[in-house]
Amino acid sequence: MGKGLFTMKLEGDADLKKLFRSAPKKIINRIARVEIKDAVRPMQQDAKSQAPVDEGDLRKAIVVRAGRRSRRRISREVRVEAKKLKRTGDHPKRVAGLFQEEGTKHHKEQPFMRPAFRRHWKAAARKITRGIKAKLAQEAAKAHVKVR
């Protein structure tokens, strides 16, 4: 799993690749960020509804944030935001969600992120692909550029 993150990689859509090559980088980045964020919202809501409740701060801490960016990658993360958690005993706040998800030797696991990811990743991938295609086609129509 690595660092508690799940990765979804979209590959192989020839039409989308053509659109990405033909459109300006700024437009692609803007559209992709919005579409990805919209597509992972149901995943976030599902994780919030499945998160165990003690004081309720874990649910409030599940957020969608910008992930690391590079020339070839635009990402969003559904994650537990440590700033929104109360301190959990002697442990740093950032591991509280991981303790719930994976469990410890004293505490049984109570997964909430993995099931949400598994339930929503296919729909999110479809929504991202369709959304980016539609928005890039709209941008091309505005600029009077023919998109195939």
N, C-alpha and C. Protein backbone atom coordinates (compact mmCIF):
# COMPACT_ATOMS: atom_id res chain seq x y z
N MET A 1 0.83 -1.19 0.00
CA MET A 1 0.00 0.00 0.00
C MET A 1 0.87 1.24 0.00
N GLY A 2 1.95 1.29 0.72
CA GLY A 2 2.90 2.39 0.69
C GLY A 2 2.35 3.72 1.17
N LYS A 3 2.76 4.19 2.29
CA LYS A 3 2.39 5.48 2.86
C LYS A 3 0.89 5.63 3.07
N GLY A 4 0.14 4.55 3.05
CA GLY A 4 -1.29 4.62 3.30
C GLY A 4 -2.08 5.25 2.17
N LEU A 5 -1.51 5.35 0.98
CA LEU A 5 -2.22 5.96 -0.14
C LEU A 5 -2.64 4.90 -1.15
N PHE A 6 -3.75 5.15 -1.80
CA PHE A 6 -4.19 4.31 -2.90
C PHE A 6 -4.00 5.12 -4.16
N THR A 7 -3.53 4.49 -5.22
CA THR A 7 -3.25 5.19 -6.45
C THR A 7 -4.15 4.66 -7.55
N MET A 8 -4.70 5.57 -8.32
CA MET A 8 -5.51 5.21 -9.46
C MET A 8 -4.86 5.85 -10.68
N LYS A 9 -4.45 5.04 -11.63
CA LYS A 9 -3.75 5.55 -12.80
C LYS A 9 -4.62 5.33 -14.03
N LEU A 10 -4.87 6.40 -14.79
CA LEU A 10 -5.67 6.29 -16.01
C LEU A 10 -4.73 6.19 -17.19
N GLU A 11 -4.86 5.11 -17.92
CA GLU A 11 -4.00 4.89 -19.07
C GLU A 11 -4.81 4.29 -20.21
N GLY A 12 -4.27 4.41 -21.42
CA GLY A 12 -4.79 3.64 -22.53
C GLY A 12 -5.93 4.26 -23.31
N ASP A 13 -6.44 5.40 -22.94
CA ASP A 13 -7.52 6.02 -23.69
C ASP A 13 -6.91 6.87 -24.80
N ALA A 14 -6.95 6.37 -26.01
CA ALA A 14 -6.29 7.04 -27.14
C ALA A 14 -6.89 8.42 -27.42
N ASP A 15 -8.23 8.54 -27.32
CA ASP A 15 -8.87 9.83 -27.57
C ASP A 15 -8.41 10.88 -26.56
N LEU A 16 -8.33 10.46 -25.32
CA LEU A 16 -7.90 11.38 -24.27
C LEU A 16 -6.44 11.81 -24.49
N LYS A 17 -5.61 10.87 -24.89
CA LYS A 17 -4.20 11.21 -25.17
C LYS A 17 -4.09 12.23 -26.30
N LYS A 18 -4.90 12.07 -27.34
CA LYS A 18 -4.89 13.04 -28.45
C LYS A 18 -5.30 14.43 -27.96
N LEU A 19 -6.35 14.46 -27.16
CA LEU A 19 -6.80 15.75 -26.63
C LEU A 19 -5.73 16.40 -25.76
N PHE A 20 -5.06 15.59 -24.95
CA PHE A 20 -4.01 16.12 -24.08
C PHE A 20 -2.85 16.70 -24.90
N ARG A 21 -2.52 16.04 -26.00
CA ARG A 21 -1.42 16.53 -26.84
C ARG A 21 -1.78 17.82 -27.56
N SER A 22 -3.05 17.98 -27.90
CA SER A 22 -3.44 19.13 -28.72
C SER A 22 -3.84 20.36 -27.89
N ALA A 23 -4.19 20.20 -26.65
CA ALA A 23 -4.67 21.32 -25.84
C ALA A 23 -3.53 21.98 -25.07
N PRO A 24 -3.69 23.28 -24.79
CA PRO A 24 -2.68 23.98 -23.98
C PRO A 24 -2.59 23.40 -22.56
N LYS A 25 -1.40 23.35 -22.03
CA LYS A 25 -1.12 22.75 -20.72
C LYS A 25 -1.95 23.39 -19.59
N LYS A 26 -2.07 24.71 -19.60
CA LYS A 26 -2.81 25.40 -18.54
C LYS A 26 -4.27 24.96 -18.51
N ILE A 27 -4.85 24.82 -19.68
CA ILE A 27 -6.26 24.42 -19.76
C ILE A 27 -6.41 22.98 -19.27
N ILE A 28 -5.52 22.11 -19.69
CA ILE A 28 -5.57 20.71 -19.25
C ILE A 28 -5.46 20.63 -17.73
N ASN A 29 -4.51 21.33 -17.16
CA ASN A 29 -4.32 21.30 -15.71
C ASN A 29 -5.55 21.78 -14.96
N ARG A 30 -6.13 22.88 -15.41
CA ARG A 30 -7.31 23.45 -14.76
C ARG A 30 -8.48 22.46 -14.82
N ILE A 31 -8.73 21.94 -16.00
CA ILE A 31 -9.84 21.02 -16.19
C ILE A 31 -9.61 19.73 -15.40
N ALA A 32 -8.44 19.17 -15.49
CA ALA A 32 -8.15 17.90 -14.81
C ALA A 32 -8.28 18.04 -13.30
N ARG A 33 -7.79 19.13 -12.73
CA ARG A 33 -7.90 19.31 -11.27
C ARG A 33 -9.36 19.32 -10.83
N VAL A 34 -10.18 20.05 -11.55
CA VAL A 34 -11.61 20.15 -11.19
C VAL A 34 -12.30 18.80 -11.37
N GLU A 35 -12.06 18.14 -12.49
CA GLU A 35 -12.73 16.86 -12.76
C GLU A 35 -12.31 15.79 -11.77
N ILE A 36 -11.04 15.74 -11.43
CA ILE A 36 -10.57 14.74 -10.47
C ILE A 36 -11.20 15.00 -9.10
N LYS A 37 -11.24 16.25 -8.70
CA LYS A 37 -11.82 16.58 -7.39
C LYS A 37 -13.30 16.18 -7.34
N ASP A 38 -14.04 16.49 -8.41
CA ASP A 38 -15.46 16.13 -8.45
C ASP A 38 -15.65 14.61 -8.43
N ALA A 39 -14.77 13.89 -9.11
CA ALA A 39 -14.92 12.44 -9.23
C ALA A 39 -14.63 11.71 -7.91
N VAL A 40 -13.75 12.25 -7.08
CA VAL A 40 -13.41 11.56 -5.83
C VAL A 40 -14.28 11.99 -4.65
N ARG A 41 -15.17 12.96 -4.85
CA ARG A 41 -16.06 13.38 -3.76
C ARG A 41 -16.90 12.23 -3.20
N PRO A 42 -17.52 11.37 -4.05
CA PRO A 42 -18.28 10.26 -3.48
C PRO A 42 -17.42 9.33 -2.63
N MET A 43 -16.16 9.16 -3.02
CA MET A 43 -15.23 8.34 -2.24
C MET A 43 -15.02 8.97 -0.87
N GLN A 44 -14.86 10.28 -0.84
CA GLN A 44 -14.67 11.00 0.41
C GLN A 44 -15.91 10.86 1.30
N GLN A 45 -17.08 11.06 0.72
CA GLN A 45 -18.31 10.98 1.50
C GLN A 45 -18.52 9.57 2.06
N ASP A 46 -18.21 8.55 1.26
CA ASP A 46 -18.35 7.18 1.72
C ASP A 46 -17.38 6.90 2.87
N ALA A 47 -16.13 7.35 2.73
CA ALA A 47 -15.15 7.15 3.80
C ALA A 47 -15.60 7.84 5.08
N LYS A 48 -16.17 9.03 4.95
CA LYS A 48 -16.67 9.76 6.13
C LYS A 48 -17.80 8.98 6.80
N SER A 49 -18.69 8.43 5.99
CA SER A 49 -19.82 7.71 6.58
C SER A 49 -19.39 6.40 7.24
N GLN A 50 -18.27 5.81 6.78
CA GLN A 50 -17.80 4.55 7.33
C GLN A 50 -16.78 4.71 8.46
N ALA A 51 -16.27 5.91 8.65
CA ALA A 51 -15.24 6.14 9.67
C ALA A 51 -15.81 5.90 11.07
N PRO A 52 -15.06 5.22 11.92
CA PRO A 52 -15.53 5.00 13.28
C PRO A 52 -15.64 6.33 14.03
N VAL A 53 -16.63 6.41 14.90
CA VAL A 53 -16.86 7.67 15.63
C VAL A 53 -16.55 7.46 17.10
N ASP A 54 -15.62 8.28 17.59
CA ASP A 54 -15.36 8.33 19.02
C ASP A 54 -15.75 9.75 19.44
N GLU A 55 -14.94 10.70 19.01
CA GLU A 55 -15.25 12.10 19.26
C GLU A 55 -15.75 12.79 18.00
N GLY A 56 -15.71 12.10 16.86
CA GLY A 56 -16.21 12.65 15.62
C GLY A 56 -15.19 13.42 14.81
N ASP A 57 -13.98 13.61 15.34
CA ASP A 57 -13.00 14.41 14.61
C ASP A 57 -12.39 13.67 13.43
N LEU A 58 -12.40 12.33 13.45
CA LEU A 58 -11.85 11.58 12.32
C LEU A 58 -12.69 11.82 11.06
N ARG A 59 -13.99 11.83 11.20
CA ARG A 59 -14.86 12.09 10.05
C ARG A 59 -14.63 13.49 9.48
N LYS A 60 -14.49 14.44 10.35
CA LYS A 60 -14.27 15.82 9.90
C LYS A 60 -12.92 15.97 9.20
N ALA A 61 -11.98 15.10 9.54
CA ALA A 61 -10.62 15.22 9.02
C ALA A 61 -10.43 14.57 7.65
N ILE A 62 -11.43 13.86 7.13
CA ILE A 62 -11.31 13.22 5.82
C ILE A 62 -11.61 14.28 4.76
N VAL A 63 -10.58 14.65 4.02
CA VAL A 63 -10.68 15.77 3.07
C VAL A 63 -10.12 15.38 1.70
N VAL A 64 -10.45 16.19 0.70
CA VAL A 64 -9.85 16.05 -0.64
C VAL A 64 -8.89 17.20 -0.78
N ARG A 65 -7.63 16.90 -1.04
CA ARG A 65 -6.59 17.92 -1.18
C ARG A 65 -5.78 17.67 -2.44
N ALA A 66 -5.10 18.70 -2.88
CA ALA A 66 -4.20 18.55 -4.03
C ALA A 66 -3.05 17.64 -3.63
N GLY A 67 -2.70 16.74 -4.52
CA GLY A 67 -1.57 15.84 -4.29
C GLY A 67 -0.31 16.44 -4.90
N ARG A 68 0.72 15.66 -4.91
CA ARG A 68 1.97 16.12 -5.52
C ARG A 68 1.78 16.29 -7.01
N ARG A 69 2.43 17.32 -7.54
CA ARG A 69 2.32 17.59 -8.97
C ARG A 69 3.67 17.43 -9.64
N SER A 70 3.60 17.07 -10.89
CA SER A 70 4.80 17.00 -11.71
C SER A 70 4.39 17.34 -13.13
N ARG A 71 5.32 17.30 -14.04
CA ARG A 71 4.98 17.59 -15.44
C ARG A 71 4.01 16.57 -16.01
N ARG A 72 4.09 15.36 -15.54
CA ARG A 72 3.29 14.28 -16.11
C ARG A 72 2.14 13.82 -15.21
N ARG A 73 1.94 14.46 -14.06
CA ARG A 73 0.93 13.97 -13.14
C ARG A 73 0.18 15.12 -12.47
N ILE A 74 -1.12 14.96 -12.43
CA ILE A 74 -1.99 15.86 -11.67
C ILE A 74 -2.72 14.94 -10.70
N SER A 75 -2.75 15.28 -9.43
CA SER A 75 -3.38 14.35 -8.50
C SER A 75 -4.17 15.08 -7.42
N ARG A 76 -5.11 14.35 -6.88
CA ARG A 76 -5.88 14.75 -5.71
C ARG A 76 -5.82 13.59 -4.73
N GLU A 77 -5.88 13.89 -3.47
CA GLU A 77 -5.83 12.85 -2.45
C GLU A 77 -7.05 12.97 -1.55
N VAL A 78 -7.66 11.83 -1.26
CA VAL A 78 -8.66 11.75 -0.21
C VAL A 78 -7.87 11.24 0.98
N ARG A 79 -7.74 12.08 2.00
CA ARG A 79 -6.87 11.70 3.11
C ARG A 79 -7.39 12.21 4.44
N VAL A 80 -6.77 11.73 5.49
CA VAL A 80 -7.09 12.20 6.84
C VAL A 80 -6.14 13.35 7.13
N GLU A 81 -6.69 14.52 7.34
CA GLU A 81 -5.90 15.73 7.59
C GLU A 81 -5.56 15.80 9.08
N ALA A 82 -4.30 15.66 9.39
CA ALA A 82 -3.85 15.60 10.79
C ALA A 82 -4.18 16.87 11.57
N LYS A 83 -4.18 18.01 10.91
CA LYS A 83 -4.46 19.28 11.61
C LYS A 83 -5.85 19.29 12.24
N LYS A 84 -6.76 18.50 11.68
CA LYS A 84 -8.13 18.51 12.17
C LYS A 84 -8.40 17.47 13.25
N LEU A 85 -7.38 16.73 13.64
CA LEU A 85 -7.53 15.69 14.65
C LEU A 85 -7.05 16.16 16.01
N LYS A 86 -7.68 15.63 17.04
CA LYS A 86 -7.19 15.87 18.39
C LYS A 86 -6.06 14.89 18.65
N ARG A 87 -5.20 15.22 19.57
CA ARG A 87 -4.06 14.34 19.89
C ARG A 87 -4.57 13.01 20.46
N THR A 88 -3.94 11.91 20.04
CA THR A 88 -4.36 10.58 20.48
C THR A 88 -3.30 10.00 21.40
N GLY A 89 -3.38 10.30 22.67
CA GLY A 89 -2.42 9.76 23.64
C GLY A 89 -1.00 10.19 23.35
N ASP A 90 -0.08 9.23 23.34
CA ASP A 90 1.33 9.51 23.11
C ASP A 90 1.70 9.54 21.64
N HIS A 91 0.75 9.22 20.77
CA HIS A 91 1.04 9.10 19.34
C HIS A 91 0.80 10.42 18.61
N PRO A 92 1.57 10.67 17.56
CA PRO A 92 1.33 11.87 16.76
C PRO A 92 -0.05 11.78 16.10
N LYS A 93 -0.66 12.94 15.88
CA LYS A 93 -2.00 12.98 15.31
C LYS A 93 -2.06 12.35 13.93
N ARG A 94 -0.99 12.45 13.16
CA ARG A 94 -1.03 12.01 11.77
C ARG A 94 -1.27 10.51 11.60
N VAL A 95 -1.06 9.72 12.65
CA VAL A 95 -1.24 8.28 12.52
C VAL A 95 -2.59 7.79 13.04
N ALA A 96 -3.41 8.67 13.54
CA ALA A 96 -4.69 8.25 14.12
C ALA A 96 -5.57 7.54 13.09
N GLY A 97 -5.66 8.07 11.90
CA GLY A 97 -6.45 7.43 10.85
C GLY A 97 -5.88 6.08 10.46
N LEU A 98 -4.57 5.99 10.42
CA LEU A 98 -3.90 4.74 10.08
C LEU A 98 -4.15 3.69 11.15
N PHE A 99 -4.14 4.09 12.42
CA PHE A 99 -4.43 3.14 13.49
C PHE A 99 -5.83 2.57 13.35
N GLN A 100 -6.79 3.41 12.98
CA GLN A 100 -8.16 2.93 12.79
C GLN A 100 -8.24 2.01 11.58
N GLU A 101 -7.61 2.41 10.49
CA GLU A 101 -7.66 1.66 9.23
C GLU A 101 -6.96 0.30 9.34
N GLU A 102 -5.76 0.29 9.86
CA GLU A 102 -4.93 -0.92 9.88
C GLU A 102 -5.00 -1.68 11.20
N GLY A 103 -5.37 -1.00 12.27
CA GLY A 103 -5.38 -1.63 13.58
C GLY A 103 -3.99 -1.63 14.21
N THR A 104 -3.93 -2.02 15.46
CA THR A 104 -2.66 -2.17 16.19
C THR A 104 -2.73 -3.48 16.96
N LYS A 105 -1.72 -3.77 17.72
CA LYS A 105 -1.78 -5.01 18.49
C LYS A 105 -2.82 -4.94 19.61
N HIS A 106 -3.23 -3.71 19.99
CA HIS A 106 -4.23 -3.52 21.04
C HIS A 106 -5.61 -3.16 20.50
N HIS A 107 -5.68 -2.85 19.23
CA HIS A 107 -6.91 -2.32 18.67
C HIS A 107 -7.22 -3.01 17.35
N LYS A 108 -8.40 -3.57 17.21
CA LYS A 108 -8.79 -4.26 15.97
C LYS A 108 -8.95 -3.23 14.85
N GLU A 109 -8.59 -3.63 13.63
CA GLU A 109 -8.74 -2.72 12.49
C GLU A 109 -10.21 -2.39 12.25
N GLN A 110 -10.44 -1.15 11.81
CA GLN A 110 -11.77 -0.68 11.44
C GLN A 110 -11.63 0.08 10.12
N PRO A 111 -11.47 -0.66 9.01
CA PRO A 111 -11.20 0.01 7.73
C PRO A 111 -12.35 0.89 7.27
N PHE A 112 -12.01 2.06 6.77
CA PHE A 112 -13.01 2.97 6.22
C PHE A 112 -12.55 3.56 4.90
N MET A 113 -11.24 3.76 4.71
CA MET A 113 -10.73 4.30 3.45
C MET A 113 -10.64 3.22 2.37
N ARG A 114 -10.09 2.06 2.70
CA ARG A 114 -9.97 0.99 1.70
C ARG A 114 -11.31 0.59 1.11
N PRO A 115 -12.33 0.33 1.94
CA PRO A 115 -13.62 -0.03 1.35
C PRO A 115 -14.21 1.08 0.47
N ALA A 116 -14.04 2.32 0.89
CA ALA A 116 -14.55 3.44 0.08
C ALA A 116 -13.84 3.50 -1.26
N PHE A 117 -12.51 3.30 -1.24
CA PHE A 117 -11.75 3.31 -2.48
C PHE A 117 -12.21 2.17 -3.40
N ARG A 118 -12.32 0.99 -2.84
CA ARG A 118 -12.72 -0.17 -3.65
C ARG A 118 -14.10 0.01 -4.26
N ARG A 119 -15.01 0.62 -3.52
CA ARG A 119 -16.37 0.81 -4.03
C ARG A 119 -16.46 1.88 -5.12
N HIS A 120 -15.57 2.86 -5.09
CA HIS A 120 -15.75 4.03 -5.96
C HIS A 120 -14.68 4.24 -7.03
N TRP A 121 -13.60 3.48 -7.05
CA TRP A 121 -12.52 3.82 -7.96
C TRP A 121 -12.89 3.66 -9.43
N LYS A 122 -13.66 2.65 -9.79
CA LYS A 122 -14.03 2.47 -11.19
C LYS A 122 -14.93 3.60 -11.68
N ALA A 123 -15.91 3.96 -10.88
CA ALA A 123 -16.81 5.06 -11.25
C ALA A 123 -16.04 6.38 -11.33
N ALA A 124 -15.10 6.57 -10.41
CA ALA A 124 -14.29 7.79 -10.43
C ALA A 124 -13.43 7.86 -11.69
N ALA A 125 -12.84 6.74 -12.07
CA ALA A 125 -12.01 6.71 -13.28
C ALA A 125 -12.84 7.03 -14.52
N ARG A 126 -14.03 6.46 -14.61
CA ARG A 126 -14.92 6.76 -15.75
C ARG A 126 -15.33 8.22 -15.76
N LYS A 127 -15.69 8.74 -14.60
CA LYS A 127 -16.13 10.13 -14.51
C LYS A 127 -15.01 11.10 -14.88
N ILE A 128 -13.80 10.80 -14.44
CA ILE A 128 -12.65 11.66 -14.77
C ILE A 128 -12.43 11.67 -16.28
N THR A 129 -12.39 10.50 -16.88
CA THR A 129 -12.14 10.40 -18.32
C THR A 129 -13.22 11.12 -19.11
N ARG A 130 -14.48 10.83 -18.81
CA ARG A 130 -15.59 11.47 -19.53
C ARG A 130 -15.61 12.98 -19.31
N GLY A 131 -15.39 13.38 -18.07
CA GLY A 131 -15.42 14.81 -17.75
C GLY A 131 -14.33 15.59 -18.46
N ILE A 132 -13.12 15.05 -18.47
CA ILE A 132 -12.01 15.74 -19.14
C ILE A 132 -12.26 15.82 -20.64
N LYS A 133 -12.74 14.73 -21.23
CA LYS A 133 -13.04 14.75 -22.67
C LYS A 133 -14.08 15.82 -22.99
N ALA A 134 -15.15 15.85 -22.23
CA ALA A 134 -16.24 16.80 -22.48
C ALA A 134 -15.76 18.25 -22.31
N LYS A 135 -15.03 18.51 -21.23
CA LYS A 135 -14.56 19.88 -20.98
C LYS A 135 -13.54 20.33 -22.02
N LEU A 136 -12.64 19.43 -22.42
CA LEU A 136 -11.66 19.80 -23.45
C LEU A 136 -12.35 20.05 -24.78
N ALA A 137 -13.39 19.29 -25.08
CA ALA A 137 -14.15 19.52 -26.31
C ALA A 137 -14.85 20.89 -26.26
N GLN A 138 -15.37 21.26 -25.08
CA GLN A 138 -15.99 22.58 -24.92
C GLN A 138 -14.97 23.69 -25.11
N GLU A 139 -13.80 23.51 -24.52
CA GLU A 139 -12.73 24.51 -24.67
C GLU A 139 -12.30 24.64 -26.13
N ALA A 140 -12.22 23.51 -26.81
CA ALA A 140 -11.85 23.53 -28.22
C ALA A 140 -12.90 24.24 -29.05
N ALA A 141 -14.17 24.01 -28.72
CA ALA A 141 -15.27 24.68 -29.45
C ALA A 141 -15.21 26.19 -29.22
N LYS A 142 -14.90 26.60 -28.01
CA LYS A 142 -14.76 28.04 -27.72
C LYS A 142 -13.66 28.66 -28.56
N ALA A 143 -12.58 27.89 -28.73
CA ALA A 143 -11.41 28.40 -29.46
C ALA A 143 -11.54 28.12 -30.96
N HIS A 144 -12.67 27.51 -31.38
CA HIS A 144 -12.92 27.18 -32.78
C HIS A 144 -11.85 26.23 -33.33
N VAL A 145 -11.48 25.25 -32.52
CA VAL A 145 -10.51 24.25 -32.92
C VAL A 145 -11.25 22.94 -33.12
N LYS A 146 -10.95 22.23 -34.19
CA LYS A 146 -11.61 20.96 -34.47
C LYS A 146 -10.97 19.87 -33.61
N VAL A 147 -11.82 19.15 -32.84
CA VAL A 147 -11.35 18.06 -31.99
C VAL A 147 -11.94 16.77 -32.54
N ARG A 148 -11.11 15.78 -32.74
CA ARG A 148 -11.61 14.49 -33.26
C ARG A 148 -11.84 13.53 -32.15
